[in-house]
Amino acid sequence: MNNFLNDKWKKIIFFSIIVIAIEFSGHGIFASLFRLLSSGN
């Protein structure tokens, strides 16, 4: 059970790092939304 929990957390952290990297590179969902909102003004 403990090993399963560790694998699950490793996957969650791994995907979180990928998502954060994409967001900071400017190609993520939040970055796109921010550009859309700022272009509307």
N, C-alpha and C. Protein backbone atom coordinates (compact mmCIF):
# COMPACT_ATOMS: atom_id res chain seq x y z
N MET A 1 0.83 -1.20 0.00
CA MET A 1 0.00 0.00 0.00
C MET A 1 0.87 1.25 0.00
N ASN A 2 1.91 1.23 0.83
CA ASN A 2 2.79 2.40 0.91
C ASN A 2 3.51 2.63 -0.42
N ASN A 3 3.92 1.54 -1.08
CA ASN A 3 4.60 1.65 -2.37
C ASN A 3 3.66 2.23 -3.43
N PHE A 4 2.40 1.80 -3.41
CA PHE A 4 1.40 2.32 -4.34
C PHE A 4 1.21 3.82 -4.13
N LEU A 5 1.16 4.24 -2.88
CA LEU A 5 0.98 5.65 -2.55
C LEU A 5 2.17 6.47 -3.05
N ASN A 6 3.38 5.94 -2.89
CA ASN A 6 4.57 6.64 -3.36
C ASN A 6 4.55 6.79 -4.88
N ASP A 7 4.17 5.74 -5.60
CA ASP A 7 4.08 5.81 -7.06
C ASP A 7 3.05 6.84 -7.49
N LYS A 8 1.93 6.86 -6.80
CA LYS A 8 0.87 7.81 -7.12
C LYS A 8 1.36 9.25 -6.93
N TRP A 9 2.03 9.51 -5.81
CA TRP A 9 2.55 10.86 -5.55
C TRP A 9 3.64 11.24 -6.53
N LYS A 10 4.49 10.27 -6.91
CA LYS A 10 5.53 10.56 -7.90
C LYS A 10 4.91 10.97 -9.22
N LYS A 11 3.84 10.29 -9.65
CA LYS A 11 3.16 10.63 -10.90
C LYS A 11 2.51 12.01 -10.80
N ILE A 12 1.86 12.30 -9.67
CA ILE A 12 1.21 13.60 -9.48
C ILE A 12 2.25 14.72 -9.54
N ILE A 13 3.36 14.55 -8.86
CA ILE A 13 4.41 15.57 -8.85
C ILE A 13 5.02 15.72 -10.24
N PHE A 14 5.24 14.60 -10.93
CA PHE A 14 5.82 14.63 -12.27
C PHE A 14 4.92 15.41 -13.23
N PHE A 15 3.61 15.12 -13.23
CA PHE A 15 2.69 15.83 -14.11
C PHE A 15 2.56 17.29 -13.73
N SER A 16 2.61 17.58 -12.43
CA SER A 16 2.54 18.97 -11.97
C SER A 16 3.72 19.77 -12.49
N ILE A 17 4.91 19.18 -12.45
CA ILE A 17 6.11 19.86 -12.95
C ILE A 17 5.98 20.13 -14.45
N ILE A 18 5.46 19.16 -15.19
CA ILE A 18 5.28 19.34 -16.64
C ILE A 18 4.29 20.48 -16.91
N VAL A 19 3.16 20.47 -16.20
CA VAL A 19 2.15 21.51 -16.40
C VAL A 19 2.71 22.88 -16.06
N ILE A 20 3.42 22.98 -14.94
CA ILE A 20 4.01 24.27 -14.53
C ILE A 20 5.02 24.74 -15.57
N ALA A 21 5.83 23.82 -16.09
CA ALA A 21 6.82 24.19 -17.11
C ALA A 21 6.14 24.72 -18.37
N ILE A 22 5.05 24.06 -18.79
CA ILE A 22 4.32 24.51 -19.97
C ILE A 22 3.70 25.88 -19.72
N GLU A 23 3.12 26.07 -18.53
CA GLU A 23 2.50 27.36 -18.22
C GLU A 23 3.53 28.48 -18.25
N PHE A 24 4.69 28.27 -17.65
CA PHE A 24 5.71 29.34 -17.60
C PHE A 24 6.35 29.59 -18.96
N SER A 25 6.29 28.59 -19.86
CA SER A 25 6.85 28.80 -21.20
C SER A 25 5.90 29.64 -22.06
N GLY A 26 4.68 29.85 -21.59
CA GLY A 26 3.74 30.71 -22.30
C GLY A 26 2.80 29.99 -23.24
N HIS A 27 2.76 28.67 -23.18
CA HIS A 27 1.90 27.92 -24.08
C HIS A 27 0.76 27.20 -23.35
N GLY A 28 0.59 27.52 -22.09
CA GLY A 28 -0.41 26.81 -21.30
C GLY A 28 -1.79 27.43 -21.37
N ILE A 29 -2.73 26.78 -20.71
CA ILE A 29 -4.12 27.22 -20.70
C ILE A 29 -4.25 28.59 -20.03
N PHE A 30 -3.61 28.74 -18.87
CA PHE A 30 -3.72 30.00 -18.14
C PHE A 30 -3.07 31.14 -18.91
N ALA A 31 -1.94 30.87 -19.54
CA ALA A 31 -1.26 31.90 -20.33
C ALA A 31 -2.13 32.31 -21.51
N SER A 32 -2.77 31.36 -22.16
CA SER A 32 -3.64 31.66 -23.29
C SER A 32 -4.85 32.47 -22.84
N LEU A 33 -5.44 32.09 -21.73
CA LEU A 33 -6.59 32.83 -21.20
C LEU A 33 -6.20 34.26 -20.85
N PHE A 34 -5.05 34.41 -20.25
CA PHE A 34 -4.56 35.74 -19.86
C PHE A 34 -4.35 36.61 -21.08
N ARG A 35 -3.77 36.04 -22.13
CA ARG A 35 -3.57 36.79 -23.38
C ARG A 35 -4.90 37.18 -23.99
N LEU A 36 -5.87 36.26 -23.97
CA LEU A 36 -7.20 36.52 -24.53
C LEU A 36 -7.88 37.65 -23.78
N LEU A 37 -7.80 37.62 -22.46
CA LEU A 37 -8.43 38.68 -21.65
C LEU A 37 -7.72 40.02 -21.86
N SER A 38 -6.42 40.01 -21.93
CA SER A 38 -5.70 41.27 -22.10
C SER A 38 -5.88 41.84 -23.50
N SER A 39 -6.08 41.00 -24.49
CA SER A 39 -6.30 41.50 -25.86
C SER A 39 -7.70 42.05 -26.02
N GLY A 40 -8.61 41.62 -25.16
CA GLY A 40 -10.00 42.12 -25.21
C GLY A 40 -10.13 43.53 -24.68
N ASN A 41 -9.19 43.95 -23.87
CA ASN A 41 -9.30 45.28 -23.28
C ASN A 41 -8.74 46.35 -24.19
